[in-house]
Amino acid sequence: MTSRVKDKVGGVNPQTLDILKREITRLLKRDKVYRYNDYSIGQMAEQLNINKRYVSLTIRHCFNTNFTTLLNVYRIKEAER
């Protein structure tokens, strides 16, 4: 097994994870998708044009949490302002 394969997370290379992390952050900070009560991981995946498995994997790996908790963190931060 090469080190390149070992560096992959769930079959996704680190560069792709970094891109997805930036895109998820953009949706949260610029588009404020967390404001929609019924916003789902499926909707985020559709907006990013990827499978929801990759959204979940990226959030778990890059944000150390899950989709729902990530949205709630942004909701709480906004409520505190």
C-alpha atoms as a PDB file:
ATOM      1  CA  MET A   1       0.000   0.000   0.000  1.00  0.00           C
ATOM      2  CA  THR A   2       1.456   3.360  -0.939  1.00  0.00           C
ATOM      3  CA  SER A   3       1.527   6.354   1.374  1.00  0.00           C
ATOM      4  CA  ARG A   4      -0.791   8.152  -1.056  1.00  0.00           C
ATOM      5  CA  VAL A   5      -3.517   5.612  -0.385  1.00  0.00           C
ATOM      6  CA  LYS A   6      -2.904   5.796   3.376  1.00  0.00           C
ATOM      7  CA  ASP A   7      -3.412   9.555   3.268  1.00  0.00           C
ATOM      8  CA  LYS A   8      -6.892   9.165   1.829  1.00  0.00           C
ATOM      9  CA  VAL A   9      -9.844   9.485   4.169  1.00  0.00           C
ATOM     10  CA  GLY A  10     -12.716   7.241   3.194  1.00  0.00           C
ATOM     11  CA  GLY A  11     -11.319   7.063  -0.323  1.00  0.00           C
ATOM     12  CA  VAL A  12     -11.090  10.853  -0.647  1.00  0.00           C
ATOM     13  CA  ASN A  13      -7.720  12.539  -1.036  1.00  0.00           C
ATOM     14  CA  PRO A  14      -6.722  15.390   1.303  1.00  0.00           C
ATOM     15  CA  GLN A  15      -6.855  18.017  -1.455  1.00  0.00           C
ATOM     16  CA  THR A  16     -10.466  17.147  -2.230  1.00  0.00           C
ATOM     17  CA  LEU A  17     -11.347  17.268   1.469  1.00  0.00           C
ATOM     18  CA  ASP A  18      -9.802  20.726   1.706  1.00  0.00           C
ATOM     19  CA  ILE A  19     -11.838  21.957  -1.271  1.00  0.00           C
ATOM     20  CA  LEU A  20     -15.032  20.485   0.170  1.00  0.00           C
ATOM     21  CA  LYS A  21     -14.283  22.036   3.567  1.00  0.00           C
ATOM     22  CA  ARG A  22     -13.947  25.466   1.950  1.00  0.00           C
ATOM     23  CA  GLU A  23     -17.183  24.992   0.005  1.00  0.00           C
ATOM     24  CA  ILE A  24     -19.086  23.881   3.118  1.00  0.00           C
ATOM     25  CA  THR A  25     -17.691  26.859   5.019  1.00  0.00           C
ATOM     26  CA  ARG A  26     -18.800  29.160   2.194  1.00  0.00           C
ATOM     27  CA  LEU A  27     -22.337  27.783   2.370  1.00  0.00           C
ATOM     28  CA  LEU A  28     -22.390  28.341   6.112  1.00  0.00           C
ATOM     29  CA  LYS A  29     -20.736  31.759   6.306  1.00  0.00           C
ATOM     30  CA  ARG A  30     -21.785  33.473   3.095  1.00  0.00           C
ATOM     31  CA  ASP A  31     -25.056  31.762   2.225  1.00  0.00           C
ATOM     32  CA  LYS A  32     -26.068  31.179   5.863  1.00  0.00           C
ATOM     33  CA  VAL A  33     -27.813  27.904   5.015  1.00  0.00           C
ATOM     34  CA  TYR A  34     -28.085  27.105   8.738  1.00  0.00           C
ATOM     35  CA  ARG A  35     -30.933  29.643   8.919  1.00  0.00           C
ATOM     36  CA  TYR A  36     -33.257  27.209   7.163  1.00  0.00           C
ATOM     37  CA  ASN A  37     -34.900  24.966   9.763  1.00  0.00           C
ATOM     38  CA  ASP A  38     -35.441  22.137   7.318  1.00  0.00           C
ATOM     39  CA  TYR A  39     -32.024  22.327   5.647  1.00  0.00           C
ATOM     40  CA  SER A  40     -30.639  18.829   5.163  1.00  0.00           C
ATOM     41  CA  ILE A  41     -27.386  17.145   4.329  1.00  0.00           C
ATOM     42  CA  GLY A  42     -29.021  16.083   1.070  1.00  0.00           C
ATOM     43  CA  GLN A  43     -29.663  19.720   0.164  1.00  0.00           C
ATOM     44  CA  MET A  44     -26.072  20.629   0.952  1.00  0.00           C
ATOM     45  CA  ALA A  45     -24.833  17.741  -1.164  1.00  0.00           C
ATOM     46  CA  GLU A  46     -27.055  18.874  -4.023  1.00  0.00           C
ATOM     47  CA  GLN A  47     -25.734  22.442  -3.771  1.00  0.00           C
ATOM     48  CA  LEU A  48     -22.165  21.130  -3.812  1.00  0.00           C
ATOM     49  CA  ASN A  49     -22.992  18.696  -6.598  1.00  0.00           C
ATOM     50  CA  ILE A  50     -21.625  15.719  -4.656  1.00  0.00           C
ATOM     51  CA  ASN A  51     -22.906  12.658  -2.831  1.00  0.00           C
ATOM     52  CA  LYS A  52     -24.102  13.272   0.738  1.00  0.00           C
ATOM     53  CA  ARG A  53     -21.661  10.607   1.932  1.00  0.00           C
ATOM     54  CA  TYR A  54     -18.820  12.968   0.973  1.00  0.00           C
ATOM     55  CA  VAL A  55     -20.460  15.872   2.786  1.00  0.00           C
ATOM     56  CA  SER A  56     -20.752  13.742   5.910  1.00  0.00           C
ATOM     57  CA  LEU A  57     -17.195  12.443   5.610  1.00  0.00           C
ATOM     58  CA  THR A  58     -15.808  15.963   5.138  1.00  0.00           C
ATOM     59  CA  ILE A  59     -17.714  17.352   8.109  1.00  0.00           C
ATOM     60  CA  ARG A  60     -16.629  14.456  10.310  1.00  0.00           C
ATOM     61  CA  HIS A  61     -12.984  14.686   9.261  1.00  0.00           C
ATOM     62  CA  CYS A  62     -12.486  18.447   8.865  1.00  0.00           C
ATOM     63  CA  PHE A  63     -14.884  19.853  11.477  1.00  0.00           C
ATOM     64  CA  ASN A  64     -14.759  16.934  13.966  1.00  0.00           C
ATOM     65  CA  THR A  65     -18.538  16.838  14.297  1.00  0.00           C
ATOM     66  CA  ASN A  66     -21.658  15.807  12.415  1.00  0.00           C
ATOM     67  CA  PHE A  67     -23.925  17.766  10.069  1.00  0.00           C
ATOM     68  CA  THR A  68     -26.617  18.642  12.609  1.00  0.00           C
ATOM     69  CA  THR A  69     -24.159  19.775  15.259  1.00  0.00           C
ATOM     70  CA  LEU A  70     -22.245  21.876  12.737  1.00  0.00           C
ATOM     71  CA  LEU A  71     -25.434  23.727  11.753  1.00  0.00           C
ATOM     72  CA  ASN A  72     -26.355  24.204  15.397  1.00  0.00           C
ATOM     73  CA  VAL A  73     -22.944  25.710  16.194  1.00  0.00           C
ATOM     74  CA  TYR A  74     -23.538  28.365  13.525  1.00  0.00           C
ATOM     75  CA  ARG A  75     -27.087  28.936  14.780  1.00  0.00           C
ATOM     76  CA  ILE A  76     -25.865  29.438  18.339  1.00  0.00           C
ATOM     77  CA  LYS A  77     -23.089  31.815  17.244  1.00  0.00           C
ATOM     78  CA  GLU A  78     -25.635  33.921  15.362  1.00  0.00           C
ATOM     79  CA  ALA A  79     -28.038  33.967  18.316  1.00  0.00           C
ATOM     80  CA  GLU A  80     -25.227  35.192  20.578  1.00  0.00           C
ATOM     81  CA  ARG A  81     -24.602  38.253  18.379  1.00  0.00           C
END
